[in-house]
């Protein structure tokens, strides 16, 4: 009998998102809800499993871990890209890595919600209402404001469309973005420095890579207006979190909304949790029932296809 583990099922919902019982009785299924902290803990817990289902980047799979999983043959990640899996190392250890589809709109919708939360101080006023307060802040209208989109791909493009419906003027930059492609989206292509200096709200939608790591650095944050906000629903390491935390603490920018972090779950003692000008969400961008049904449903399809000798959605080492 082969052993399959579904990792990092924080909400305890994975088994209800697809018909995993259809793998029985030949596959023993284990659900792990708590994060596996570090290579040693992950190796000890996963060394006897042939099949692993990973939810996004919650558990990293570097070479140091993969070489300690002698029985592993199939690693399925939700999404067709996962920067925390060393696909080359998996290939070297005869581990097949497969991905799944995911819906693009849930993260864009959350981004809009975070933008509105910042502009109108919704979390702060909500807490004030619970404490008996009334109208403590002055909000910022989005109509006519400048939105700076860093990365005009699927997600960035969807956020741009949503904010255009609110009559925001959208600026965009990424290393490969042309003025022609920006114009097709009704967006103005500007240089990175101009985007950070002029946008009222900057929202990050880059893929994490060696090139994008630390892209939003101390200089970019320092160029922002004191009244501006930063939103990151992409990946934590794209933003220099130390520089952002310092800028927020010193009120050099008005605030930020963060859904992704260098370390997840975010440690309880992290200084971001203590700031009153930041909206924090626990990496909710992709966390919707619709998205989970797509991701876990296709993960199950991947397992069945592999068992039948016809693997699908295979990820190649880049």
Protein backbone atom coordinates (compact mmCIF):
# COMPACT_ATOMS: atom_id res chain seq x y z
CA UNK A 1 0.00 0.00 0.00
CA UNK A 2 1.29 3.45 -0.92
CA UNK A 3 1.16 6.32 1.54
CA UNK A 4 -0.08 9.78 0.54
CA UNK A 5 0.12 12.90 2.70
CA UNK A 6 -1.79 16.12 2.15
CA UNK A 7 0.36 18.83 3.70
CA UNK A 8 -0.46 22.04 5.51
CA UNK A 9 -4.24 21.71 5.45
CA UNK A 10 -4.55 24.64 7.86
CA UNK A 11 -8.35 24.77 7.78
CA UNK A 12 -8.91 20.99 7.76
CA UNK A 13 -10.91 21.11 4.51
CA UNK A 14 -8.80 19.22 1.95
CA UNK A 15 -10.70 15.96 2.19
CA UNK A 16 -13.98 17.72 1.43
CA UNK A 17 -12.61 19.50 -1.66
CA UNK A 18 -12.16 16.32 -3.77
CA UNK A 19 -13.16 12.65 -3.69
CA UNK A 20 -9.97 11.36 -2.10
CA UNK A 21 -11.80 8.19 -0.99
CA UNK A 22 -11.71 7.11 -4.63
CA UNK A 23 -8.03 6.23 -4.10
CA UNK A 24 -8.83 3.68 -1.40
CA UNK A 25 -8.08 0.91 -0.53
CA UNK A 26 -4.70 0.97 -2.29
CA UNK A 27 -3.63 4.37 -1.00
CA UNK A 28 -3.38 5.29 2.68
CA UNK A 29 -4.19 8.99 3.07
CA UNK A 30 -2.87 11.19 5.89
CA UNK A 31 -3.75 14.85 6.37
CA UNK A 32 -1.27 17.12 8.14
CA UNK A 33 -2.69 20.40 9.44
CA UNK A 34 0.32 21.83 11.29
CA UNK A 35 3.32 23.37 9.49
CA UNK A 36 6.48 21.29 9.26
CA UNK A 37 9.20 23.63 10.51
CA UNK A 38 12.57 22.97 8.93
CA UNK A 39 14.21 20.17 6.96
CA UNK A 40 14.71 17.85 9.94
CA UNK A 41 11.07 17.96 11.01
CA UNK A 42 9.81 17.52 7.45
CA UNK A 43 12.19 14.65 6.71
CA UNK A 44 11.21 12.78 9.87
CA UNK A 45 7.50 13.16 9.15
CA UNK A 46 7.51 12.49 5.41
CA UNK A 47 10.23 9.85 4.91
CA UNK A 48 7.77 6.97 4.54
CA UNK A 49 5.45 8.57 1.98
CA UNK A 50 5.46 7.88 -1.75
CA UNK A 51 3.05 10.70 -2.64
CA UNK A 52 2.87 14.24 -1.24
CA UNK A 53 0.33 16.97 -1.96
CA UNK A 54 1.74 20.44 -1.23
CA UNK A 55 -0.44 23.53 -0.91
CA UNK A 56 1.52 26.34 -2.59
CA UNK A 57 4.78 27.26 -0.80
CA UNK A 58 3.66 26.34 2.70
CA UNK A 59 6.28 23.55 2.96
CA UNK A 60 9.53 24.16 1.02
CA UNK A 61 11.19 21.24 -0.77
CA UNK A 62 14.88 22.12 -1.19
CA UNK A 63 17.47 19.56 -2.28
CA UNK A 64 18.44 18.98 1.38
CA UNK A 65 14.94 17.68 2.09
CA UNK A 66 14.34 15.78 -1.13
CA UNK A 67 17.50 13.72 -0.65
CA UNK A 68 16.13 12.58 2.71
CA UNK A 69 12.82 11.29 1.30
CA UNK A 70 13.89 7.93 -0.17
CA UNK A 71 10.36 6.64 -0.83
CA UNK A 72 8.97 9.79 -2.45
CA UNK A 73 7.96 9.29 -6.09
CA UNK A 74 5.28 11.92 -6.75
CA UNK A 75 5.15 15.49 -5.46
CA UNK A 76 2.07 17.49 -6.45
CA UNK A 77 1.95 21.22 -5.88
CA UNK A 78 -1.16 23.32 -6.24
CA UNK A 79 -0.48 25.85 -8.97
CA UNK A 80 1.78 25.41 -11.98
CA UNK A 81 4.69 27.28 -10.40
CA UNK A 82 6.23 26.82 -6.96
CA UNK A 83 9.46 28.63 -6.17
CA UNK A 84 9.95 26.66 -2.94
CA UNK A 85 10.34 23.32 -4.75
CA UNK A 86 13.74 22.47 -6.22
CA UNK A 87 12.39 20.74 -9.32
CA UNK A 88 15.91 19.92 -10.57
CA UNK A 89 16.74 18.20 -7.28
CA UNK A 90 13.45 16.28 -7.47
CA UNK A 91 14.35 15.11 -10.99
CA UNK A 92 17.80 14.05 -9.76
CA UNK A 93 16.12 11.90 -7.10
CA UNK A 94 13.55 10.36 -9.48
CA UNK A 95 10.68 12.36 -8.02
CA UNK A 96 8.04 13.52 -10.48
CA UNK A 97 6.66 17.01 -9.78
CA UNK A 98 3.21 17.90 -11.08
CA UNK A 99 1.09 21.03 -10.74
CA UNK A 100 -2.53 22.08 -10.92
CA UNK A 101 -4.57 24.95 -12.20
CA UNK A 102 -5.65 27.78 -9.92
CA UNK A 103 -8.11 30.60 -10.43
CA UNK A 104 -6.63 34.06 -11.05
CA UNK A 105 -9.43 36.22 -9.66
CA UNK A 106 -9.47 35.38 -5.90
CA UNK A 107 -6.14 37.13 -5.25
CA UNK A 108 -7.18 40.11 -7.37
CA UNK A 109 -10.41 40.39 -5.38
CA UNK A 110 -8.51 40.29 -2.08
CA UNK A 111 -6.14 42.96 -3.38
CA UNK A 112 -9.07 45.26 -4.08
CA UNK A 113 -10.43 44.55 -0.60
CA UNK A 114 -7.09 45.48 0.95
CA UNK A 115 -6.88 48.67 -1.11
CA UNK A 116 -10.34 49.69 0.11
CA UNK A 117 -9.44 48.73 3.68
CA UNK A 118 -6.42 51.03 3.60
CA UNK A 119 -8.09 53.93 1.83
CA UNK A 120 -11.10 53.99 4.15
CA UNK A 121 -9.43 52.66 7.33
CA UNK A 122 -12.01 49.89 7.53
CA UNK A 123 -10.24 47.54 10.01
CA UNK A 124 -9.34 50.47 12.30
CA UNK A 125 -12.88 51.88 12.29
CA UNK A 126 -14.36 48.40 12.73
CA UNK A 127 -12.28 47.88 15.86
CA UNK A 128 -13.25 51.35 17.05
CA UNK A 129 -16.94 50.52 16.72
CA UNK A 130 -16.42 47.44 18.89
CA UNK A 131 -14.75 49.68 21.48
CA UNK A 132 -17.52 52.30 21.43
CA UNK A 133 -15.75 54.89 19.23
CA UNK A 134 -17.24 56.82 16.29
CA UNK A 135 -15.58 58.32 13.17
CA UNK A 136 -11.91 58.54 14.06
CA UNK A 137 -10.36 58.92 10.60
CA UNK A 138 -10.56 60.74 7.27
CA UNK A 139 -10.64 58.36 4.32
CA UNK A 140 -9.10 58.73 0.88
CA UNK A 141 -11.33 58.56 -2.20
CA UNK A 142 -9.96 56.24 -4.89
CA UNK A 143 -11.67 58.03 -7.77
CA UNK A 144 -8.98 59.93 -9.68
CA UNK A 145 -6.11 58.53 -7.59
CA UNK A 146 -3.05 56.87 -9.09
CA UNK A 147 -2.59 53.12 -8.71
CA UNK A 148 0.90 51.78 -9.40
CA UNK A 149 0.90 48.12 -10.50
CA UNK A 150 4.27 46.37 -10.25
CA UNK A 151 3.88 43.46 -12.65
CA UNK A 152 1.08 43.62 -15.23
CA UNK A 153 0.56 39.86 -15.72
CA UNK A 154 -2.67 37.95 -15.15
CA UNK A 155 -3.12 39.10 -11.57
CA UNK A 156 -1.77 42.59 -12.04
CA UNK A 157 -3.93 43.03 -15.12
CA UNK A 158 -7.03 41.88 -13.25
CA UNK A 159 -6.32 44.29 -10.38
CA UNK A 160 -5.83 47.08 -12.91
CA UNK A 161 -9.25 46.34 -14.46
CA UNK A 162 -10.96 46.27 -11.07
CA UNK A 163 -9.45 49.59 -10.06
CA UNK A 164 -10.19 51.19 -13.42
CA UNK A 165 -13.85 50.49 -12.64
CA UNK A 166 -13.34 52.77 -9.63
CA UNK A 167 -11.98 55.45 -12.01
CA UNK A 168 -8.41 55.17 -10.79
CA UNK A 169 -5.57 56.17 -13.13
CA UNK A 170 -3.40 53.05 -13.43
CA UNK A 171 0.36 53.16 -13.90
CA UNK A 172 2.36 49.99 -14.46
CA UNK A 173 5.94 48.80 -14.57
CA UNK A 174 7.78 45.53 -14.88
CA UNK A 175 11.14 44.74 -16.47
CA UNK A 176 9.59 43.43 -19.71
CA UNK A 177 6.45 45.57 -19.93
CA UNK A 178 6.18 47.56 -23.15
CA UNK A 179 4.23 50.76 -23.65
CA UNK A 180 2.18 48.99 -26.33
CA UNK A 181 1.07 46.15 -24.05
CA UNK A 182 0.28 48.59 -21.26
CA UNK A 183 -1.79 50.72 -23.63
CA UNK A 184 -3.84 47.68 -24.67
CA UNK A 185 -4.81 47.29 -21.01
CA UNK A 186 -5.67 50.99 -20.74
CA UNK A 187 -2.65 51.48 -18.49
CA UNK A 188 0.22 53.97 -18.62
CA UNK A 189 3.65 52.36 -18.67
CA UNK A 190 6.16 54.30 -16.56
CA UNK A 191 9.61 53.62 -15.17
CA UNK A 192 9.91 51.98 -11.76
CA UNK A 193 11.18 55.14 -10.06
CA UNK A 194 8.31 57.22 -11.43
CA UNK A 195 5.74 54.65 -10.37
CA UNK A 196 6.86 54.58 -6.74
CA UNK A 197 7.24 58.36 -6.59
CA UNK A 198 3.85 59.26 -8.02
CA UNK A 199 1.41 56.46 -7.10
CA UNK A 200 -1.05 56.92 -4.26
CA UNK A 201 -1.22 53.14 -3.88
CA UNK A 202 1.43 50.66 -5.07
CA UNK A 203 0.38 47.03 -5.50
CA UNK A 204 2.87 44.21 -6.15
CA UNK A 205 2.12 41.35 -8.57
CA UNK A 206 5.49 39.91 -9.61
CA UNK A 207 6.48 36.25 -9.71
CA UNK A 208 9.14 35.46 -7.11
CA UNK A 209 12.51 34.83 -8.74
CA UNK A 210 16.15 35.75 -8.20
CA UNK A 211 15.47 38.89 -10.23
CA UNK A 212 12.40 39.98 -8.27
CA UNK A 213 13.63 39.10 -4.78
CA UNK A 214 14.02 42.36 -2.86
CA UNK A 215 12.71 44.34 -5.84
CA UNK A 216 10.72 46.67 -3.58
CA UNK A 217 13.76 47.82 -1.65
CA UNK A 218 14.64 50.68 0.66
CA UNK A 219 15.10 53.06 -2.28
CA UNK A 220 11.72 52.19 -3.82
CA UNK A 221 9.92 52.54 -0.50
CA UNK A 222 11.84 55.74 0.23
CA UNK A 223 10.63 57.24 -3.05
CA UNK A 224 6.96 56.81 -2.09
CA UNK A 225 4.87 59.78 -1.00
CA UNK A 226 4.23 60.12 2.72
CA UNK A 227 0.52 59.77 1.95
CA UNK A 228 0.96 56.59 -0.14
CA UNK A 229 0.15 52.97 0.63
CA UNK A 230 1.84 49.70 -0.35
CA UNK A 231 -0.06 46.43 -0.96
CA UNK A 232 1.62 43.03 -1.37
CA UNK A 233 -0.43 39.96 -2.22
CA UNK A 234 2.32 38.41 -4.35
CA UNK A 235 5.22 36.88 -2.39
CA UNK A 236 6.86 38.14 0.79
CA UNK A 237 10.52 38.22 -0.31
CA UNK A 238 9.75 40.57 -3.22
CA UNK A 239 9.45 43.36 -0.62
CA UNK A 240 12.30 44.19 1.74
CA UNK A 241 10.29 43.61 4.90
CA UNK A 242 12.84 45.25 7.16
CA UNK A 243 12.77 48.42 5.07
CA UNK A 244 8.97 48.39 4.93
CA UNK A 245 8.61 47.84 8.68
CA UNK A 246 10.95 50.76 9.38
CA UNK A 247 9.08 53.05 6.97
CA UNK A 248 5.76 52.15 8.59
CA UNK A 249 7.07 52.58 12.13
CA UNK A 250 8.52 56.00 11.27
CA UNK A 251 5.38 57.05 9.32
CA UNK A 252 7.41 57.68 6.17
CA UNK A 253 4.49 56.16 4.22
CA UNK A 254 0.85 56.19 5.28
CA UNK A 255 0.43 52.45 5.59
CA UNK A 256 0.55 49.01 3.99
CA UNK A 257 -1.58 45.93 3.50
CA UNK A 258 0.32 42.66 3.53
CA UNK A 259 -0.95 39.16 2.74
CA UNK A 260 2.40 37.39 2.19
CA UNK A 261 5.53 37.15 4.32
CA UNK A 262 9.13 35.97 4.31
CA UNK A 263 8.20 33.37 6.94
CA UNK A 264 4.74 31.82 7.04
CA UNK A 265 2.82 31.53 9.26
CA UNK A 266 3.99 34.95 10.45
CA UNK A 267 5.68 34.58 13.87
CA UNK A 268 3.56 35.87 16.75
CA UNK A 269 6.32 38.23 17.88
CA UNK A 270 6.92 39.78 14.44
CA UNK A 271 7.08 43.61 14.66
CA UNK A 272 4.51 44.01 11.86
CA UNK A 273 1.86 42.69 14.23
CA UNK A 274 2.44 45.65 16.55
CA UNK A 275 1.99 48.47 14.01
CA UNK A 276 -1.32 50.35 13.76
CA UNK A 277 -0.89 51.51 10.15
CA UNK A 278 -0.76 48.09 8.53
CA UNK A 279 -3.55 45.69 7.51
CA UNK A 280 -2.43 42.08 7.84
CA UNK A 281 -4.09 39.00 6.36
CA UNK A 282 -2.75 35.41 6.65
CA UNK A 283 -1.98 34.68 2.96
CA UNK A 284 -5.64 34.60 1.97
CA UNK A 285 -5.15 35.55 -1.67
CA UNK A 286 -5.86 32.11 -3.11
CA UNK A 287 -7.82 30.75 -0.15
CA UNK A 288 -11.37 30.39 -1.44
CA UNK A 289 -13.57 27.32 -1.73
CA UNK A 290 -13.75 27.71 -5.52
CA UNK A 291 -9.97 27.76 -5.81
CA UNK A 292 -9.46 24.85 -3.42
CA UNK A 293 -11.89 22.72 -5.42
CA UNK A 294 -9.90 23.37 -8.58
CA UNK A 295 -6.53 22.81 -6.92
CA UNK A 296 -7.34 19.71 -4.88
CA UNK A 297 -9.52 18.29 -7.64
CA UNK A 298 -6.68 18.48 -10.15
CA UNK A 299 -4.19 17.23 -7.55
CA UNK A 300 -6.33 14.10 -7.23
CA UNK A 301 -6.41 13.79 -11.03
CA UNK A 302 -2.61 14.01 -11.04
CA UNK A 303 -2.32 11.15 -8.56
CA UNK A 304 -4.68 8.94 -10.56
CA UNK A 305 -2.90 9.73 -13.83
CA UNK A 306 0.47 8.89 -12.27
CA UNK A 307 -0.85 5.63 -10.86
CA UNK A 308 -2.12 4.76 -14.34
CA UNK A 309 1.31 5.44 -15.83
CA UNK A 310 0.22 8.58 -17.72
CA UNK A 311 1.27 11.58 -15.60
CA UNK A 312 -0.22 14.98 -16.45
CA UNK A 313 0.73 18.60 -15.71
CA UNK A 314 4.38 17.65 -15.20
CA UNK A 315 6.64 20.53 -14.15
CA UNK A 316 10.03 20.76 -15.82
CA UNK A 317 13.23 21.90 -14.17
CA UNK A 318 13.91 25.46 -15.27
